[in-house]
Amino acid sequence: MRILVTGGAGFIGSHLCEQLLKDGDDVLCLDNFYTGSKDNIRHLMSSDRFELIRHDVIGPVLLEVDRIFHFACPASPVHYQYNPVKTIKTSVMGTINMLGLAKRVKARILLASTSEIYGDPEVHPQPESYWGNVNPIGRRSCYDEGKRVAETLMMDYYRQNKVDIKIARIFNTYGPRMALNDGRVVSNFIVQALKGEDITIYGDGSQTRSFQYVDDLLTGTFRFMDTEDFIGPVNLGNPVEFTIKELAQKVIDLTGSSSKMVDKPLPSDDPTQRQPDISLAKEKLDWEPKVGLEEGLKKTIGYFEAQLRSKK
C-alpha cells in the first residue's frame, strides 16, 4: 500500500515509517520539523519506497494514498505551550485537511488522539465512555481541546461523508527517538540522571502515570488500523500505574546516577491520576502491552546515552 504518515519524522511517526517500510509498503513521510528531526528518519532515506515531504498539515496537500496515519502535532507540554495557537491549528485545521484528503481518495485514516482528552479525570481508570474533565481556558487546553475537536471532526466526517476512520487515544509513550529536550517526564528524568543533575519532581511526586513502550503502541496501532467495522475510540496505553517518584527512583537505579530529587510547584491542570482501561483494546484488538517499565527504560536509557555522547 501507499501510506501517508503525518508527523513522520517525530518520535512515534518515525517508528511507524520504519515498520511500514519493513512490511513492504510505500511510505510518504510528511513533517514540518517543528518537533520532528531528520535524524529520526535518516536511515530510511536510502529506500526507494520512502519519500519525505516537508509540509505543514495546516495547509492542504494533494496526494494519492491508501491509508493515513495522522500523527502530526507536538505532544509535549513544553512544545505545545510554546506556540499554543499553532498547536490548536495543527489539531483542528490539520485534521480537516487530512480528512478532506481521505474523503477525496477514499483512504482509511487513523487519528493519534490522546489520553489528554480525559483532562484531570474524575473517573479512574479511564474507559472510552468517559467524557473527561478538561479546563477549556487553561494552558494545556490548546492540546487537550484541539484533540477533542479533532475527534469531533473525525466522527462528523464519518457520519456525514462515510470516511473510513479510526480514533486511537494514546497514553504516555516513551522510547528511543524521543528528543533530548522533549520535556516529558521519562526523557526529562533520564537526561537529568545521565548528566548527574537534580531530578525535577513537580508537586510531591504522588501523581500517577502509566508508561507505554513505543513497540507496544506500534503493535496496537497497526492492529487497530487493520480491523474492519471498529472505528474506536480505543485506549492504547499500559494500565500498570506508577507514581512520578517511583519512576524517578527507577531511573536513578538503572542509570547508577547520584542525582537527587528536587520538588517544584505542580503546573496548573496537571492530572493527578492517569491510567487507561484497556478492556476494549483487549476485546476488539486482542492487544495488551508486553514490555515492562524496567525493560523499556533500559532501552531508552541506552538511546539517550548514545545521543549525549554524540553531542559532546
C-alpha atoms as a PDB file:
ATOM      1  CA  MET A   1       0.000   0.000   0.000  1.00  0.00           C
ATOM      2  CA  ARG A   2       0.901   3.659  -0.337  1.00  0.00           C
ATOM      3  CA  ILE A   3       0.754   5.111   3.161  1.00  0.00           C
ATOM      4  CA  LEU A   4       0.989   8.676   4.438  1.00  0.00           C
ATOM      5  CA  VAL A   5       2.381   9.327   7.926  1.00  0.00           C
ATOM      6  CA  THR A   6       1.901  12.922   9.099  1.00  0.00           C
ATOM      7  CA  GLY A   7       4.464  13.863  11.737  1.00  0.00           C
ATOM      8  CA  GLY A   8       6.533  11.052  10.238  1.00  0.00           C
ATOM      9  CA  ALA A   9       9.880  12.493  11.402  1.00  0.00           C
ATOM     10  CA  GLY A  10       8.682  12.646  15.001  1.00  0.00           C
ATOM     11  CA  PHE A  11       9.274  10.199  17.829  1.00  0.00           C
ATOM     12  CA  ILE A  12       6.349   7.836  17.149  1.00  0.00           C
ATOM     13  CA  GLY A  13       5.902   8.753  13.466  1.00  0.00           C
ATOM     14  CA  SER A  14       9.451   7.672  12.578  1.00  0.00           C
ATOM     15  CA  HIS A  15       8.886   4.261  14.176  1.00  0.00           C
ATOM     16  CA  LEU A  16       5.686   3.929  12.122  1.00  0.00           C
ATOM     17  CA  CYS A  17       7.530   4.817   8.888  1.00  0.00           C
ATOM     18  CA  GLU A  18      10.280   2.310   9.656  1.00  0.00           C
ATOM     19  CA  GLN A  19       7.866  -0.569  10.349  1.00  0.00           C
ATOM     20  CA  LEU A  20       5.717   0.205   7.292  1.00  0.00           C
ATOM     21  CA  LEU A  21       8.823   0.043   5.080  1.00  0.00           C
ATOM     22  CA  LYS A  22       9.768  -3.297   6.672  1.00  0.00           C
ATOM     23  CA  ASP A  23       6.249  -4.527   5.860  1.00  0.00           C
ATOM     24  CA  GLY A  24       6.783  -3.650   2.186  1.00  0.00           C
ATOM     25  CA  ASP A  25       4.613  -0.532   1.943  1.00  0.00           C
ATOM     26  CA  ASP A  26       5.438   2.703   0.113  1.00  0.00           C
ATOM     27  CA  VAL A  27       5.728   5.442   2.726  1.00  0.00           C
ATOM     28  CA  LEU A  28       5.132   9.176   2.363  1.00  0.00           C
ATOM     29  CA  CYS A  29       6.545  10.915   5.439  1.00  0.00           C
ATOM     30  CA  LEU A  30       5.089  14.398   5.882  1.00  0.00           C
ATOM     31  CA  ASP A  31       6.606  16.721   8.509  1.00  0.00           C
ATOM     32  CA  ASN A  32       7.264  20.442   9.036  1.00  0.00           C
ATOM     33  CA  PHE A  33      10.116  19.677  11.502  1.00  0.00           C
ATOM     34  CA  TYR A  34       8.595  21.777  14.287  1.00  0.00           C
ATOM     35  CA  THR A  35       9.410  18.971  16.747  1.00  0.00           C
ATOM     36  CA  GLY A  36      10.423  16.197  14.310  1.00  0.00           C
ATOM     37  CA  SER A  37      14.032  15.557  13.309  1.00  0.00           C
ATOM     38  CA  LYS A  38      15.746  14.332  10.153  1.00  0.00           C
ATOM     39  CA  ASP A  39      17.981  12.225  12.409  1.00  0.00           C
ATOM     40  CA  ASN A  40      14.932  10.051  13.189  1.00  0.00           C
ATOM     41  CA  ILE A  41      14.428   9.105   9.525  1.00  0.00           C
ATOM     42  CA  ARG A  42      17.917   9.488   8.022  1.00  0.00           C
ATOM     43  CA  HIS A  43      18.363   5.702   7.918  1.00  0.00           C
ATOM     44  CA  LEU A  44      15.162   5.395   5.828  1.00  0.00           C
ATOM     45  CA  MET A  45      16.157   7.925   3.146  1.00  0.00           C
ATOM     46  CA  SER A  46      18.051   5.406   1.033  1.00  0.00           C
ATOM     47  CA  SER A  47      14.910   3.329   0.428  1.00  0.00           C
ATOM     48  CA  ASP A  48      13.241   3.933  -2.941  1.00  0.00           C
ATOM     49  CA  ARG A  49       9.901   3.286  -1.219  1.00  0.00           C
ATOM     50  CA  PHE A  50      10.373   6.185   1.200  1.00  0.00           C
ATOM     51  CA  GLU A  51       9.541   9.785   0.330  1.00  0.00           C
ATOM     52  CA  LEU A  52       9.953  12.827   2.569  1.00  0.00           C
ATOM     53  CA  ILE A  53       7.598  15.778   2.105  1.00  0.00           C
ATOM     54  CA  ARG A  54       8.372  18.956   4.030  1.00  0.00           C
ATOM     55  CA  HIS A  55       4.909  20.372   4.604  1.00  0.00           C
ATOM     56  CA  ASP A  56       2.729  21.770   7.384  1.00  0.00           C
ATOM     57  CA  VAL A  57      -0.639  19.997   7.731  1.00  0.00           C
ATOM     58  CA  ILE A  58      -2.259  23.364   8.453  1.00  0.00           C
ATOM     59  CA  GLY A  59      -2.164  23.787   4.648  1.00  0.00           C
ATOM     60  CA  PRO A  60      -3.920  21.349   2.281  1.00  0.00           C
ATOM     61  CA  VAL A  61      -1.870  18.782   0.382  1.00  0.00           C
ATOM     62  CA  LEU A  62      -2.804  16.814  -2.747  1.00  0.00           C
ATOM     63  CA  LEU A  63      -1.586  13.219  -2.654  1.00  0.00           C
ATOM     64  CA  GLU A  64      -2.782   9.783  -3.730  1.00  0.00           C
ATOM     65  CA  VAL A  65      -2.646   7.343  -0.797  1.00  0.00           C
ATOM     66  CA  ASP A  66      -4.422   4.255   0.533  1.00  0.00           C
ATOM     67  CA  ARG A  67      -4.030   4.948   4.244  1.00  0.00           C
ATOM     68  CA  ILE A  68      -3.211   7.882   6.524  1.00  0.00           C
ATOM     69  CA  PHE A  69      -1.623   7.732   9.978  1.00  0.00           C
ATOM     70  CA  HIS A  70      -2.328  11.261  11.255  1.00  0.00           C
ATOM     71  CA  PHE A  71       0.296  11.843  13.963  1.00  0.00           C
ATOM     72  CA  ALA A  72       1.268  15.484  13.282  1.00  0.00           C
ATOM     73  CA  CYS A  73       1.101  17.558  16.473  1.00  0.00           C
ATOM     74  CA  PRO A  74       3.566  18.497  19.218  1.00  0.00           C
ATOM     75  CA  ALA A  75       2.724  16.224  22.174  1.00  0.00           C
ATOM     76  CA  SER A  76       4.933  17.542  24.969  1.00  0.00           C
ATOM     77  CA  PRO A  77       3.633  20.428  27.151  1.00  0.00           C
ATOM     78  CA  VAL A  78       6.945  22.284  26.646  1.00  0.00           C
ATOM     79  CA  HIS A  79       6.456  22.254  22.863  1.00  0.00           C
ATOM     80  CA  TYR A  80       2.690  22.617  22.565  1.00  0.00           C
ATOM     81  CA  GLN A  81       2.548  25.516  25.042  1.00  0.00           C
ATOM     82  CA  TYR A  82       5.417  27.324  23.288  1.00  0.00           C
ATOM     83  CA  ASN A  83       3.067  28.227  20.423  1.00  0.00           C
ATOM     84  CA  PRO A  84      -0.449  27.330  21.596  1.00  0.00           C
ATOM     85  CA  VAL A  85      -2.218  28.887  18.586  1.00  0.00           C
ATOM     86  CA  LYS A  86      -0.058  26.795  16.237  1.00  0.00           C
ATOM     87  CA  THR A  87      -0.855  23.695  18.327  1.00  0.00           C
ATOM     88  CA  ILE A  88      -4.616  24.062  18.115  1.00  0.00           C
ATOM     89  CA  LYS A  89      -4.397  24.934  14.404  1.00  0.00           C
ATOM     90  CA  THR A  90      -2.444  21.718  13.825  1.00  0.00           C
ATOM     91  CA  SER A  91      -5.103  19.629  15.563  1.00  0.00           C
ATOM     92  CA  VAL A  92      -8.111  21.368  14.000  1.00  0.00           C
ATOM     93  CA  MET A  93      -7.061  22.579  10.542  1.00  0.00           C
ATOM     94  CA  GLY A  94      -4.580  19.733  10.098  1.00  0.00           C
ATOM     95  CA  THR A  95      -7.275  17.161  10.833  1.00  0.00           C
ATOM     96  CA  ILE A  96      -9.743  18.887   8.488  1.00  0.00           C
ATOM     97  CA  ASN A  97      -7.120  18.776   5.714  1.00  0.00           C
ATOM     98  CA  MET A  98      -6.295  15.114   6.305  1.00  0.00           C
ATOM     99  CA  LEU A  99      -9.974  14.176   6.449  1.00  0.00           C
ATOM    100  CA  GLY A 100     -10.554  16.096   3.222  1.00  0.00           C
ATOM    101  CA  LEU A 101      -7.741  14.104   1.617  1.00  0.00           C
ATOM    102  CA  ALA A 102      -9.102  10.807   2.989  1.00  0.00           C
ATOM    103  CA  LYS A 103     -12.569  11.664   1.666  1.00  0.00           C
ATOM    104  CA  ARG A 104     -11.256  12.528  -1.812  1.00  0.00           C
ATOM    105  CA  VAL A 105      -9.074   9.445  -2.298  1.00  0.00           C
ATOM    106  CA  LYS A 106     -11.209   7.092  -0.155  1.00  0.00           C
ATOM    107  CA  ALA A 107      -8.320   6.350   2.213  1.00  0.00           C
ATOM    108  CA  ARG A 108      -8.621   4.920   5.710  1.00  0.00           C
ATOM    109  CA  ILE A 109      -7.404   7.445   8.304  1.00  0.00           C
ATOM    110  CA  LEU A 110      -6.230   6.831  11.861  1.00  0.00           C
ATOM    111  CA  LEU A 111      -6.086   9.793  14.247  1.00  0.00           C
ATOM    112  CA  ALA A 112      -3.482   9.841  17.001  1.00  0.00           C
ATOM    113  CA  SER A 113      -5.717  11.227  19.727  1.00  0.00           C
ATOM    114  CA  THR A 114      -4.591  11.314  23.328  1.00  0.00           C
ATOM    115  CA  SER A 115      -5.333  10.456  26.941  1.00  0.00           C
ATOM    116  CA  GLU A 116      -5.295  14.246  27.465  1.00  0.00           C
ATOM    117  CA  ILE A 117      -8.883  14.362  26.206  1.00  0.00           C
ATOM    118  CA  TYR A 118      -9.779  12.973  29.659  1.00  0.00           C
ATOM    119  CA  GLY A 119      -8.178  16.036  31.313  1.00  0.00           C
ATOM    120  CA  ASP A 120      -7.765  15.700  35.099  1.00  0.00           C
ATOM    121  CA  PRO A 121     -10.043  12.645  35.324  1.00  0.00           C
ATOM    122  CA  GLU A 122     -12.687  12.126  37.995  1.00  0.00           C
ATOM    123  CA  VAL A 123     -13.133   8.504  36.861  1.00  0.00           C
ATOM    124  CA  HIS A 124     -10.280   6.038  37.411  1.00  0.00           C
ATOM    125  CA  PRO A 125      -9.095   4.170  35.409  1.00  0.00           C
ATOM    126  CA  GLN A 126     -10.409   5.955  32.307  1.00  0.00           C
ATOM    127  CA  PRO A 127     -12.696   3.988  29.936  1.00  0.00           C
ATOM    128  CA  GLU A 128     -13.512   5.263  26.432  1.00  0.00           C
ATOM    129  CA  SER A 129     -17.055   6.037  27.614  1.00  0.00           C
ATOM    130  CA  TYR A 130     -15.748   8.741  29.998  1.00  0.00           C
ATOM    131  CA  TRP A 131     -16.161  12.259  28.583  1.00  0.00           C
ATOM    132  CA  GLY A 132     -13.350  13.851  30.527  1.00  0.00           C
ATOM    133  CA  ASN A 133     -12.740  16.798  32.835  1.00  0.00           C
ATOM    134  CA  VAL A 134     -10.903  19.432  30.775  1.00  0.00           C
ATOM    135  CA  ASN A 135     -10.350  23.108  31.563  1.00  0.00           C
ATOM    136  CA  PRO A 136     -11.175  24.820  28.226  1.00  0.00           C
ATOM    137  CA  ILE A 137      -9.285  28.023  29.152  1.00  0.00           C
ATOM    138  CA  GLY A 138      -6.195  26.531  30.805  1.00  0.00           C
ATOM    139  CA  ARG A 139      -2.632  26.431  29.461  1.00  0.00           C
ATOM    140  CA  ARG A 140      -2.953  22.797  28.409  1.00  0.00           C
ATOM    141  CA  SER A 141      -6.225  23.290  26.540  1.00  0.00           C
ATOM    142  CA  CYS A 142      -4.564  24.156  23.205  1.00  0.00           C
ATOM    143  CA  TYR A 143      -3.606  20.478  23.078  1.00  0.00           C
ATOM    144  CA  ASP A 144      -6.441  18.884  25.083  1.00  0.00           C
ATOM    145  CA  GLU A 145      -9.266  20.733  23.349  1.00  0.00           C
ATOM    146  CA  GLY A 146      -7.507  20.591  19.975  1.00  0.00           C
ATOM    147  CA  LYS A 147      -7.513  16.783  20.130  1.00  0.00           C
ATOM    148  CA  ARG A 148     -11.114  16.743  21.375  1.00  0.00           C
ATOM    149  CA  VAL A 149     -12.156  18.808  18.339  1.00  0.00           C
ATOM    150  CA  ALA A 150     -10.088  16.502  16.108  1.00  0.00           C
ATOM    151  CA  GLU A 151     -12.126  13.559  17.407  1.00  0.00           C
ATOM    152  CA  THR A 152     -15.343  15.517  16.735  1.00  0.00           C
ATOM    153  CA  LEU A 153     -14.209  16.172  13.160  1.00  0.00           C
ATOM    154  CA  MET A 154     -13.373  12.504  12.637  1.00  0.00           C
ATOM    155  CA  MET A 155     -16.848  11.458  13.776  1.00  0.00           C
ATOM    156  CA  ASP A 156     -18.585  14.150  11.691  1.00  0.00           C
ATOM    157  CA  TYR A 157     -16.715  13.154   8.518  1.00  0.00           C
ATOM    158  CA  TYR A 158     -17.581   9.529   9.293  1.00  0.00           C
ATOM    159  CA  ARG A 159     -21.299  10.246   9.790  1.00  0.00           C
ATOM    160  CA  GLN A 160     -21.710  12.854   7.065  1.00  0.00           C
ATOM    161  CA  ASN A 161     -19.249  11.668   4.387  1.00  0.00           C
ATOM    162  CA  LYS A 162     -18.747   7.965   5.241  1.00  0.00           C
ATOM    163  CA  VAL A 163     -14.974   8.481   5.627  1.00  0.00           C
ATOM    164  CA  ASP A 164     -13.221   5.313   6.869  1.00  0.00           C
ATOM    165  CA  ILE A 165     -11.879   6.434  10.285  1.00  0.00           C
ATOM    166  CA  LYS A 166     -10.067   5.125  13.369  1.00  0.00           C
ATOM    167  CA  ILE A 167      -9.585   7.070  16.638  1.00  0.00           C
ATOM    168  CA  ALA A 168      -6.746   5.914  18.931  1.00  0.00           C
ATOM    169  CA  ARG A 169      -6.427   7.530  22.364  1.00  0.00           C
ATOM    170  CA  ILE A 170      -2.720   7.181  23.101  1.00  0.00           C
ATOM    171  CA  PHE A 171      -1.459   7.258  26.690  1.00  0.00           C
ATOM    172  CA  ASN A 172       2.070   8.216  27.827  1.00  0.00           C
ATOM    173  CA  THR A 173       4.511   6.593  25.417  1.00  0.00           C
ATOM    174  CA  TYR A 174       8.302   6.561  25.673  1.00  0.00           C
ATOM    175  CA  GLY A 175      11.279   5.008  23.905  1.00  0.00           C
ATOM    176  CA  PRO A 176      14.192   5.690  21.552  1.00  0.00           C
ATOM    177  CA  ARG A 177      13.954   8.792  19.317  1.00  0.00           C
ATOM    178  CA  MET A 178      12.334  10.989  21.942  1.00  0.00           C
ATOM    179  CA  ALA A 179      14.050  14.367  21.710  1.00  0.00           C
ATOM    180  CA  LEU A 180      16.634  15.272  24.375  1.00  0.00           C
ATOM    181  CA  ASN A 181      14.588  18.424  25.063  1.00  0.00           C
ATOM    182  CA  ASP A 182      11.255  16.607  24.756  1.00  0.00           C
ATOM    183  CA  GLY A 183      10.063  17.943  28.101  1.00  0.00           C
ATOM    184  CA  ARG A 184       8.072  14.838  29.077  1.00  0.00           C
ATOM    185  CA  VAL A 185       8.729  13.097  32.340  1.00  0.00           C
ATOM    186  CA  VAL A 186      10.568   9.959  31.109  1.00  0.00           C
ATOM    187  CA  SER A 187      13.032  11.840  28.889  1.00  0.00           C
ATOM    188  CA  ASN A 188      13.485  14.607  31.491  1.00  0.00           C
ATOM    189  CA  PHE A 189      14.361  12.137  34.242  1.00  0.00           C
ATOM    190  CA  ILE A 190      16.723  10.057  32.074  1.00  0.00           C
ATOM    191  CA  VAL A 191      18.633  13.072  30.719  1.00  0.00           C
ATOM    192  CA  GLN A 192      18.907  14.651  34.183  1.00  0.00           C
ATOM    193  CA  ALA A 193      20.097  11.346  35.695  1.00  0.00           C
ATOM    194  CA  LEU A 194      22.694  10.739  32.958  1.00  0.00           C
ATOM    195  CA  LYS A 195      24.040  14.264  33.400  1.00  0.00           C
ATOM    196  CA  GLY A 196      24.105  13.886  37.195  1.00  0.00           C
ATOM    197  CA  GLU A 197      21.723  16.829  37.589  1.00  0.00           C
ATOM    198  CA  ASP A 198      18.923  17.141  40.145  1.00  0.00           C
ATOM    199  CA  ILE A 199      15.782  15.281  39.069  1.00  0.00           C
ATOM    200  CA  THR A 200      12.877  17.707  38.964  1.00  0.00           C
ATOM    201  CA  ILE A 201       9.665  16.436  40.569  1.00  0.00           C
ATOM    202  CA  TYR A 202       6.635  18.675  40.064  1.00  0.00           C
ATOM    203  CA  GLY A 203       4.345  18.592  43.107  1.00  0.00           C
ATOM    204  CA  ASP A 204       5.069  15.928  45.728  1.00  0.00           C
ATOM    205  CA  GLY A 205       5.552  13.158  43.148  1.00  0.00           C
ATOM    206  CA  SER A 206       2.480  11.220  44.286  1.00  0.00           C
ATOM    207  CA  GLN A 207       0.613  11.836  40.997  1.00  0.00           C
ATOM    208  CA  THR A 208       0.456   8.715  38.856  1.00  0.00           C
ATOM    209  CA  ARG A 209       1.078   7.898  35.206  1.00  0.00           C
ATOM    210  CA  SER A 210       1.078   4.770  33.059  1.00  0.00           C
ATOM    211  CA  PHE A 211       4.081   4.379  30.762  1.00  0.00           C
ATOM    212  CA  GLN A 212       3.860   2.502  27.463  1.00  0.00           C
ATOM    213  CA  TYR A 213       6.915   1.464  25.476  1.00  0.00           C
ATOM    214  CA  VAL A 214       6.785   2.548  21.835  1.00  0.00           C
ATOM    215  CA  ASP A 215       6.910  -1.029  20.439  1.00  0.00           C
ATOM    216  CA  ASP A 216       3.689  -1.891  22.279  1.00  0.00           C
ATOM    217  CA  LEU A 217       1.992   1.194  20.861  1.00  0.00           C
ATOM    218  CA  LEU A 218       3.065   0.254  17.316  1.00  0.00           C
ATOM    219  CA  THR A 219       1.576  -3.230  17.676  1.00  0.00           C
ATOM    220  CA  GLY A 220      -1.725  -1.808  18.917  1.00  0.00           C
ATOM    221  CA  THR A 221      -1.821   0.910  16.255  1.00  0.00           C
ATOM    222  CA  PHE A 222      -1.231  -1.470  13.337  1.00  0.00           C
ATOM    223  CA  ARG A 223      -3.698  -3.996  14.714  1.00  0.00           C
ATOM    224  CA  PHE A 224      -6.313  -1.231  15.027  1.00  0.00           C
ATOM    225  CA  MET A 225      -5.648   0.094  11.511  1.00  0.00           C
ATOM    226  CA  ASP A 226      -6.189  -3.405  10.085  1.00  0.00           C
ATOM    227  CA  THR A 227      -9.536  -4.031  11.811  1.00  0.00           C
ATOM    228  CA  GLU A 228     -12.821  -3.780   9.939  1.00  0.00           C
ATOM    229  CA  ASP A 229     -16.049  -2.361  11.416  1.00  0.00           C
ATOM    230  CA  PHE A 230     -14.404  -0.896  14.539  1.00  0.00           C
ATOM    231  CA  ILE A 231     -13.689   2.825  14.489  1.00  0.00           C
ATOM    232  CA  GLY A 232     -12.975   3.395  18.185  1.00  0.00           C
ATOM    233  CA  PRO A 233     -12.190   5.454  20.064  1.00  0.00           C
ATOM    234  CA  VAL A 234      -9.917   2.949  21.763  1.00  0.00           C
ATOM    235  CA  ASN A 235      -7.386   3.463  24.552  1.00  0.00           C
ATOM    236  CA  LEU A 236      -3.832   2.371  23.716  1.00  0.00           C
ATOM    237  CA  GLY A 237      -1.731   2.522  26.866  1.00  0.00           C
ATOM    238  CA  ASN A 238      -0.128   0.497  29.616  1.00  0.00           C
ATOM    239  CA  PRO A 239      -2.523   0.008  32.564  1.00  0.00           C
ATOM    240  CA  VAL A 240       0.315  -0.524  35.085  1.00  0.00           C
ATOM    241  CA  GLU A 241       0.364   2.642  37.180  1.00  0.00           C
ATOM    242  CA  PHE A 242       3.411   4.271  38.817  1.00  0.00           C
ATOM    243  CA  THR A 243       3.846   7.418  40.889  1.00  0.00           C
ATOM    244  CA  ILE A 244       6.205  10.015  39.429  1.00  0.00           C
ATOM    245  CA  LYS A 245       8.503   9.486  42.428  1.00  0.00           C
ATOM    246  CA  GLU A 246       8.649   5.723  41.730  1.00  0.00           C
ATOM    247  CA  LEU A 247       9.610   6.449  38.119  1.00  0.00           C
ATOM    248  CA  ALA A 248      12.361   8.849  39.236  1.00  0.00           C
ATOM    249  CA  GLN A 249      13.801   6.260  41.646  1.00  0.00           C
ATOM    250  CA  LYS A 250      13.747   3.559  38.943  1.00  0.00           C
ATOM    251  CA  VAL A 251      15.642   5.847  36.537  1.00  0.00           C
ATOM    252  CA  ILE A 252      18.232   6.691  39.231  1.00  0.00           C
ATOM    253  CA  ASP A 253      18.721   2.981  39.991  1.00  0.00           C
ATOM    254  CA  LEU A 254      19.027   1.935  36.321  1.00  0.00           C
ATOM    255  CA  THR A 255      21.465   4.727  35.421  1.00  0.00           C
ATOM    256  CA  GLY A 256      23.506   4.386  38.640  1.00  0.00           C
ATOM    257  CA  SER A 257      23.183   8.147  38.950  1.00  0.00           C
ATOM    258  CA  SER A 258      23.988  10.265  42.018  1.00  0.00           C
ATOM    259  CA  SER A 259      21.140  12.659  41.146  1.00  0.00           C
ATOM    260  CA  LYS A 260      18.877  13.880  43.943  1.00  0.00           C
ATOM    261  CA  MET A 261      15.128  14.518  43.617  1.00  0.00           C
ATOM    262  CA  VAL A 262      14.035  18.151  43.945  1.00  0.00           C
ATOM    263  CA  ASP A 263      10.383  19.207  44.346  1.00  0.00           C
ATOM    264  CA  LYS A 264       8.968  22.099  42.332  1.00  0.00           C
ATOM    265  CA  PRO A 265       5.406  23.518  42.212  1.00  0.00           C
ATOM    266  CA  LEU A 266       2.866  21.489  40.223  1.00  0.00           C
ATOM    267  CA  PRO A 267       1.817  23.183  36.923  1.00  0.00           C
ATOM    268  CA  SER A 268      -1.856  24.156  36.559  1.00  0.00           C
ATOM    269  CA  ASP A 269      -4.318  21.475  35.360  1.00  0.00           C
ATOM    270  CA  ASP A 270      -1.696  18.745  35.675  1.00  0.00           C
ATOM    271  CA  PRO A 271      -3.666  15.485  36.044  1.00  0.00           C
ATOM    272  CA  THR A 272      -3.304  13.743  39.424  1.00  0.00           C
ATOM    273  CA  GLN A 273      -4.070  10.290  38.009  1.00  0.00           C
ATOM    274  CA  ARG A 274      -3.831   8.782  34.545  1.00  0.00           C
ATOM    275  CA  GLN A 275      -4.430   5.112  33.829  1.00  0.00           C
ATOM    276  CA  PRO A 276      -6.119   3.529  30.807  1.00  0.00           C
ATOM    277  CA  ASP A 277      -8.895   0.993  30.980  1.00  0.00           C
ATOM    278  CA  ILE A 278      -7.809  -1.228  28.051  1.00  0.00           C
ATOM    279  CA  SER A 279     -10.603  -3.821  28.184  1.00  0.00           C
ATOM    280  CA  LEU A 280     -11.940  -2.572  24.817  1.00  0.00           C
ATOM    281  CA  ALA A 281      -8.496  -2.944  23.158  1.00  0.00           C
ATOM    282  CA  LYS A 282      -8.215  -6.457  24.605  1.00  0.00           C
ATOM    283  CA  GLU A 283     -11.662  -7.371  23.283  1.00  0.00           C
ATOM    284  CA  LYS A 284     -11.530  -5.727  19.835  1.00  0.00           C
ATOM    285  CA  LEU A 285      -7.808  -5.886  19.010  1.00  0.00           C
ATOM    286  CA  ASP A 286      -6.640  -8.793  21.165  1.00  0.00           C
ATOM    287  CA  TRP A 287      -3.956  -6.372  22.356  1.00  0.00           C
ATOM    288  CA  GLU A 288      -2.241  -5.506  25.600  1.00  0.00           C
ATOM    289  CA  PRO A 289       1.258  -4.156  26.333  1.00  0.00           C
ATOM    290  CA  LYS A 290       4.075  -6.689  26.724  1.00  0.00           C
ATOM    291  CA  VAL A 291       7.116  -4.534  27.605  1.00  0.00           C
ATOM    292  CA  GLY A 292       7.600  -3.856  31.326  1.00  0.00           C
ATOM    293  CA  LEU A 293       8.809  -0.480  32.586  1.00  0.00           C
ATOM    294  CA  GLU A 294      12.301  -1.665  33.537  1.00  0.00           C
ATOM    295  CA  GLU A 295      12.921  -3.360  30.161  1.00  0.00           C
ATOM    296  CA  GLY A 296      11.663  -0.317  28.228  1.00  0.00           C
ATOM    297  CA  LEU A 297      13.628   2.138  30.376  1.00  0.00           C
ATOM    298  CA  LYS A 298      16.889   0.217  29.803  1.00  0.00           C
ATOM    299  CA  LYS A 299      16.459   0.510  26.016  1.00  0.00           C
ATOM    300  CA  THR A 300      15.532   4.191  26.281  1.00  0.00           C
ATOM    301  CA  ILE A 301      18.460   4.968  28.601  1.00  0.00           C
ATOM    302  CA  GLY A 302      20.833   3.306  26.085  1.00  0.00           C
ATOM    303  CA  TYR A 303      19.455   5.533  23.340  1.00  0.00           C
ATOM    304  CA  PHE A 304      19.874   8.723  25.389  1.00  0.00           C
ATOM    305  CA  GLU A 305      23.412   7.743  26.438  1.00  0.00           C
ATOM    306  CA  ALA A 306      24.367   7.488  22.744  1.00  0.00           C
ATOM    307  CA  GLN A 307      22.652  10.821  21.996  1.00  0.00           C
ATOM    308  CA  LEU A 308      24.502  12.626  24.787  1.00  0.00           C
ATOM    309  CA  ARG A 309      27.847  11.088  23.699  1.00  0.00           C
ATOM    310  CA  SER A 310      27.307  12.297  20.116  1.00  0.00           C
ATOM    311  CA  LYS A 311      26.609  15.841  21.365  1.00  0.00           C
ATOM    312  CA  LYS A 312      29.974  16.093  23.171  1.00  0.00           C
END
